[in-house]
Amino acid sequence: MAIHLFCHSSLPLQCVKDALSPLLSQHQELFANKFLISDVMPATDVGKEVALEHGLDAQCLFLIRVNEKSASGSLPTVVEIIKNALGDSNVVILFENEDRR
């Protein structure tokens, strides 16, 4: 079974791309193989609705996929890194697009 974190952000798509780019080199131990970050995509109507349920007006979305199941214990660290990079109030991170992290 795949494990995904759905990351909805209220920031413009390019700002999110610019914020995520340095994370790949700064945290190679996590993002080289253990966790894979998808391309940043514009938020869909459904994605906007899901994020709005958590108080966020989403502009874009990206996924983080657990690539090595043995690394799943590091999910809280990954969430913290993403929130620090984007700002806690600018992102809602949902485990399998349901449970808030």
N, C-alpha and C. Protein backbone atom coordinates (compact mmCIF):
# COMPACT_ATOMS: atom_id res chain seq x y z
N MET A 1 0.83 -1.19 0.00
CA MET A 1 0.00 0.00 0.00
C MET A 1 0.88 1.25 0.00
N ALA A 2 0.57 2.19 -0.87
CA ALA A 2 1.31 3.45 -0.96
C ALA A 2 0.90 4.38 0.18
N ILE A 3 1.84 5.17 0.61
CA ILE A 3 1.59 6.16 1.65
C ILE A 3 1.89 7.53 1.05
N HIS A 4 0.91 8.44 1.12
CA HIS A 4 1.07 9.77 0.55
C HIS A 4 0.66 10.84 1.55
N LEU A 5 1.42 11.93 1.53
CA LEU A 5 1.02 13.15 2.21
C LEU A 5 0.57 14.12 1.13
N PHE A 6 -0.63 14.65 1.26
CA PHE A 6 -1.16 15.64 0.34
C PHE A 6 -0.90 17.00 0.96
N CYS A 7 -0.15 17.82 0.27
CA CYS A 7 0.25 19.13 0.80
C CYS A 7 -0.43 20.23 -0.01
N HIS A 8 -1.42 20.86 0.60
CA HIS A 8 -2.18 21.94 -0.02
C HIS A 8 -1.58 23.26 0.47
N SER A 9 -1.30 24.18 -0.44
CA SER A 9 -0.71 25.45 -0.03
C SER A 9 -1.50 26.63 -0.56
N SER A 10 -1.55 27.68 0.24
CA SER A 10 -2.21 28.92 -0.16
C SER A 10 -1.25 29.84 -0.91
N LEU A 11 0.02 29.47 -0.98
CA LEU A 11 1.00 30.26 -1.70
C LEU A 11 0.88 30.02 -3.20
N PRO A 12 1.32 31.00 -4.01
CA PRO A 12 1.33 30.78 -5.46
C PRO A 12 2.23 29.60 -5.83
N LEU A 13 1.86 28.92 -6.89
CA LEU A 13 2.56 27.72 -7.33
C LEU A 13 4.07 27.94 -7.44
N GLN A 14 4.52 29.02 -8.07
CA GLN A 14 5.95 29.25 -8.25
C GLN A 14 6.66 29.48 -6.92
N CYS A 15 6.01 30.12 -5.97
CA CYS A 15 6.61 30.31 -4.63
C CYS A 15 6.84 28.97 -3.95
N VAL A 16 5.89 28.06 -4.09
CA VAL A 16 6.03 26.74 -3.49
C VAL A 16 7.18 25.99 -4.16
N LYS A 17 7.26 26.04 -5.49
CA LYS A 17 8.36 25.40 -6.20
C LYS A 17 9.70 25.94 -5.72
N ASP A 18 9.78 27.27 -5.59
CA ASP A 18 11.03 27.91 -5.16
C ASP A 18 11.40 27.52 -3.73
N ALA A 19 10.40 27.34 -2.87
CA ALA A 19 10.67 26.96 -1.48
C ALA A 19 11.07 25.49 -1.37
N LEU A 20 10.51 24.64 -2.21
CA LEU A 20 10.80 23.20 -2.13
C LEU A 20 12.15 22.84 -2.75
N SER A 21 12.55 23.56 -3.76
CA SER A 21 13.77 23.23 -4.49
C SER A 21 15.00 23.06 -3.60
N PRO A 22 15.28 23.99 -2.68
CA PRO A 22 16.47 23.82 -1.83
C PRO A 22 16.37 22.66 -0.84
N LEU A 23 15.14 22.24 -0.53
CA LEU A 23 14.97 21.14 0.43
C LEU A 23 15.59 19.84 -0.09
N LEU A 24 15.53 19.66 -1.39
CA LEU A 24 16.06 18.42 -1.98
C LEU A 24 17.55 18.28 -1.72
N SER A 25 18.27 19.38 -1.75
CA SER A 25 19.71 19.30 -1.48
C SER A 25 20.02 19.41 0.01
N GLN A 26 19.25 20.21 0.73
CA GLN A 26 19.48 20.38 2.16
C GLN A 26 19.17 19.13 2.97
N HIS A 27 18.24 18.33 2.49
CA HIS A 27 17.80 17.14 3.22
C HIS A 27 17.87 15.91 2.32
N GLN A 28 19.03 15.72 1.72
CA GLN A 28 19.22 14.59 0.80
C GLN A 28 18.97 13.25 1.48
N GLU A 29 19.25 13.17 2.78
CA GLU A 29 19.05 11.91 3.49
C GLU A 29 17.58 11.49 3.49
N LEU A 30 16.69 12.45 3.33
CA LEU A 30 15.25 12.15 3.30
C LEU A 30 14.69 12.13 1.87
N PHE A 31 15.04 13.15 1.08
CA PHE A 31 14.38 13.35 -0.20
C PHE A 31 15.10 12.76 -1.40
N ALA A 32 16.22 12.10 -1.19
CA ALA A 32 16.89 11.44 -2.32
C ALA A 32 16.20 10.13 -2.67
N ASN A 33 15.83 9.35 -1.64
CA ASN A 33 15.20 8.04 -1.90
C ASN A 33 14.04 7.71 -0.97
N LYS A 34 14.10 8.17 0.27
CA LYS A 34 13.10 7.75 1.25
C LYS A 34 11.73 8.37 0.99
N PHE A 35 11.72 9.65 0.64
CA PHE A 35 10.48 10.39 0.39
C PHE A 35 10.62 11.11 -0.94
N LEU A 36 9.63 10.98 -1.79
CA LEU A 36 9.67 11.60 -3.11
C LEU A 36 8.61 12.70 -3.18
N ILE A 37 9.02 13.88 -3.61
CA ILE A 37 8.12 15.02 -3.73
C ILE A 37 7.70 15.14 -5.19
N SER A 38 6.40 15.21 -5.42
CA SER A 38 5.87 15.35 -6.78
C SER A 38 6.07 16.77 -7.28
N ASP A 39 5.75 16.96 -8.55
CA ASP A 39 5.69 18.31 -9.09
C ASP A 39 4.56 19.06 -8.39
N VAL A 40 4.72 20.36 -8.28
CA VAL A 40 3.66 21.20 -7.72
C VAL A 40 2.64 21.45 -8.82
N MET A 41 1.36 21.26 -8.47
CA MET A 41 0.27 21.38 -9.44
C MET A 41 -0.74 22.42 -8.96
N PRO A 42 -1.45 23.04 -9.86
CA PRO A 42 -2.53 23.93 -9.43
C PRO A 42 -3.59 23.12 -8.67
N ALA A 43 -4.19 23.75 -7.69
CA ALA A 43 -5.24 23.07 -6.91
C ALA A 43 -6.47 22.86 -7.78
N THR A 44 -7.05 21.69 -7.66
CA THR A 44 -8.31 21.40 -8.34
C THR A 44 -9.46 21.89 -7.48
N ASP A 45 -10.65 21.90 -8.03
CA ASP A 45 -11.82 22.31 -7.24
C ASP A 45 -12.00 21.41 -6.02
N VAL A 46 -11.80 20.12 -6.21
CA VAL A 46 -11.93 19.17 -5.09
C VAL A 46 -10.85 19.44 -4.06
N GLY A 47 -9.61 19.66 -4.52
CA GLY A 47 -8.51 19.95 -3.61
C GLY A 47 -8.74 21.23 -2.82
N LYS A 48 -9.29 22.24 -3.50
CA LYS A 48 -9.60 23.49 -2.82
C LYS A 48 -10.65 23.27 -1.73
N GLU A 49 -11.63 22.44 -2.04
CA GLU A 49 -12.69 22.15 -1.07
C GLU A 49 -12.14 21.41 0.14
N VAL A 50 -11.28 20.43 -0.10
CA VAL A 50 -10.66 19.68 1.00
C VAL A 50 -9.84 20.61 1.88
N ALA A 51 -9.02 21.46 1.27
CA ALA A 51 -8.19 22.39 2.04
C ALA A 51 -9.04 23.39 2.80
N LEU A 52 -10.12 23.84 2.19
CA LEU A 52 -11.01 24.81 2.84
C LEU A 52 -11.64 24.23 4.10
N GLU A 53 -11.88 22.93 4.10
CA GLU A 53 -12.40 22.27 5.31
C GLU A 53 -11.42 22.40 6.47
N HIS A 54 -10.15 22.67 6.16
CA HIS A 54 -9.12 22.84 7.18
C HIS A 54 -8.69 24.30 7.29
N GLY A 55 -9.51 25.21 6.74
CA GLY A 55 -9.28 26.64 6.88
C GLY A 55 -8.24 27.22 5.95
N LEU A 56 -7.95 26.57 4.82
CA LEU A 56 -6.92 27.06 3.91
C LEU A 56 -7.50 27.25 2.51
N ASP A 57 -7.23 28.39 1.93
CA ASP A 57 -7.62 28.68 0.55
C ASP A 57 -6.46 28.22 -0.35
N ALA A 58 -6.52 26.99 -0.81
CA ALA A 58 -5.41 26.38 -1.55
C ALA A 58 -5.29 26.93 -2.96
N GLN A 59 -4.05 27.19 -3.34
CA GLN A 59 -3.73 27.62 -4.70
C GLN A 59 -3.05 26.49 -5.47
N CYS A 60 -2.35 25.62 -4.72
CA CYS A 60 -1.63 24.53 -5.38
C CYS A 60 -1.52 23.33 -4.44
N LEU A 61 -1.01 22.26 -5.01
CA LEU A 61 -0.93 20.97 -4.31
C LEU A 61 0.31 20.23 -4.77
N PHE A 62 0.94 19.52 -3.84
CA PHE A 62 1.98 18.56 -4.20
C PHE A 62 1.86 17.38 -3.25
N LEU A 63 2.40 16.27 -3.68
CA LEU A 63 2.35 15.05 -2.88
C LEU A 63 3.74 14.68 -2.42
N ILE A 64 3.80 14.04 -1.28
CA ILE A 64 5.03 13.43 -0.80
C ILE A 64 4.73 11.96 -0.64
N ARG A 65 5.48 11.14 -1.35
CA ARG A 65 5.25 9.70 -1.33
C ARG A 65 6.35 9.03 -0.52
N VAL A 66 5.96 8.13 0.36
CA VAL A 66 6.93 7.33 1.09
C VAL A 66 7.45 6.27 0.13
N ASN A 67 8.73 6.36 -0.19
CA ASN A 67 9.34 5.46 -1.15
C ASN A 67 9.98 4.26 -0.46
N GLU A 68 10.44 4.46 0.77
CA GLU A 68 11.00 3.37 1.58
C GLU A 68 10.12 3.22 2.82
N LYS A 69 9.37 2.15 2.87
CA LYS A 69 8.42 1.94 3.99
C LYS A 69 9.11 1.99 5.35
N SER A 70 10.37 1.57 5.40
CA SER A 70 11.09 1.58 6.68
C SER A 70 11.34 3.01 7.18
N ALA A 71 11.18 4.01 6.31
CA ALA A 71 11.40 5.40 6.69
C ALA A 71 10.14 6.09 7.19
N SER A 72 9.03 5.38 7.24
CA SER A 72 7.76 6.01 7.61
C SER A 72 7.78 6.64 9.00
N GLY A 73 8.67 6.20 9.85
CA GLY A 73 8.81 6.80 11.17
C GLY A 73 9.32 8.23 11.11
N SER A 74 9.86 8.62 9.97
CA SER A 74 10.38 9.99 9.78
C SER A 74 9.32 10.94 9.24
N LEU A 75 8.09 10.49 9.09
CA LEU A 75 7.02 11.37 8.58
C LEU A 75 6.87 12.66 9.39
N PRO A 76 6.91 12.62 10.73
CA PRO A 76 6.79 13.88 11.48
C PRO A 76 7.92 14.86 11.15
N THR A 77 9.11 14.37 10.90
CA THR A 77 10.23 15.23 10.53
C THR A 77 9.98 15.86 9.17
N VAL A 78 9.49 15.07 8.22
CA VAL A 78 9.18 15.58 6.88
C VAL A 78 8.11 16.67 6.97
N VAL A 79 7.08 16.43 7.75
CA VAL A 79 6.01 17.42 7.92
C VAL A 79 6.58 18.72 8.49
N GLU A 80 7.43 18.62 9.48
CA GLU A 80 8.04 19.80 10.10
C GLU A 80 8.89 20.57 9.09
N ILE A 81 9.66 19.87 8.28
CA ILE A 81 10.50 20.51 7.26
C ILE A 81 9.64 21.28 6.26
N ILE A 82 8.56 20.67 5.81
CA ILE A 82 7.68 21.32 4.84
C ILE A 82 7.00 22.54 5.46
N LYS A 83 6.50 22.41 6.67
CA LYS A 83 5.85 23.54 7.34
C LYS A 83 6.84 24.68 7.56
N ASN A 84 8.06 24.37 7.92
CA ASN A 84 9.07 25.41 8.11
C ASN A 84 9.40 26.11 6.79
N ALA A 85 9.45 25.36 5.71
CA ALA A 85 9.79 25.92 4.41
C ALA A 85 8.69 26.82 3.85
N LEU A 86 7.44 26.44 4.05
CA LEU A 86 6.32 27.17 3.48
C LEU A 86 5.62 28.10 4.46
N GLY A 87 5.84 27.88 5.73
CA GLY A 87 5.12 28.62 6.77
C GLY A 87 3.90 27.82 7.19
N ASP A 88 3.79 27.58 8.46
CA ASP A 88 2.72 26.72 8.99
C ASP A 88 1.33 27.18 8.56
N SER A 89 1.12 28.48 8.46
CA SER A 89 -0.21 28.98 8.10
C SER A 89 -0.47 28.93 6.60
N ASN A 90 0.54 28.55 5.81
CA ASN A 90 0.41 28.52 4.35
C ASN A 90 0.27 27.12 3.78
N VAL A 91 0.20 26.12 4.65
CA VAL A 91 0.14 24.75 4.15
C VAL A 91 -0.71 23.89 5.08
N VAL A 92 -1.48 23.01 4.48
CA VAL A 92 -2.21 21.98 5.21
C VAL A 92 -1.69 20.66 4.66
N ILE A 93 -1.20 19.81 5.55
CA ILE A 93 -0.64 18.52 5.15
C ILE A 93 -1.57 17.43 5.67
N LEU A 94 -2.07 16.62 4.74
CA LEU A 94 -3.03 15.58 5.08
C LEU A 94 -2.48 14.21 4.71
N PHE A 95 -2.52 13.30 5.65
CA PHE A 95 -2.13 11.91 5.41
C PHE A 95 -3.24 11.26 4.60
N GLU A 96 -2.91 10.80 3.42
CA GLU A 96 -3.87 10.20 2.48
C GLU A 96 -5.05 11.11 2.21
N ASN A 97 -4.81 12.43 2.26
CA ASN A 97 -5.78 13.47 1.99
C ASN A 97 -6.97 13.44 2.96
N GLU A 98 -6.74 12.90 4.16
CA GLU A 98 -7.81 12.82 5.15
C GLU A 98 -7.40 13.34 6.52
N ASP A 99 -6.35 12.76 7.10
CA ASP A 99 -5.96 13.09 8.48
C ASP A 99 -4.90 14.19 8.49
N ARG A 100 -5.20 15.26 9.18
CA ARG A 100 -4.27 16.41 9.25
C ARG A 100 -3.03 16.06 10.05
N ARG A 101 -1.90 16.51 9.54
CA ARG A 101 -0.60 16.31 10.21
C ARG A 101 -0.10 17.63 10.74
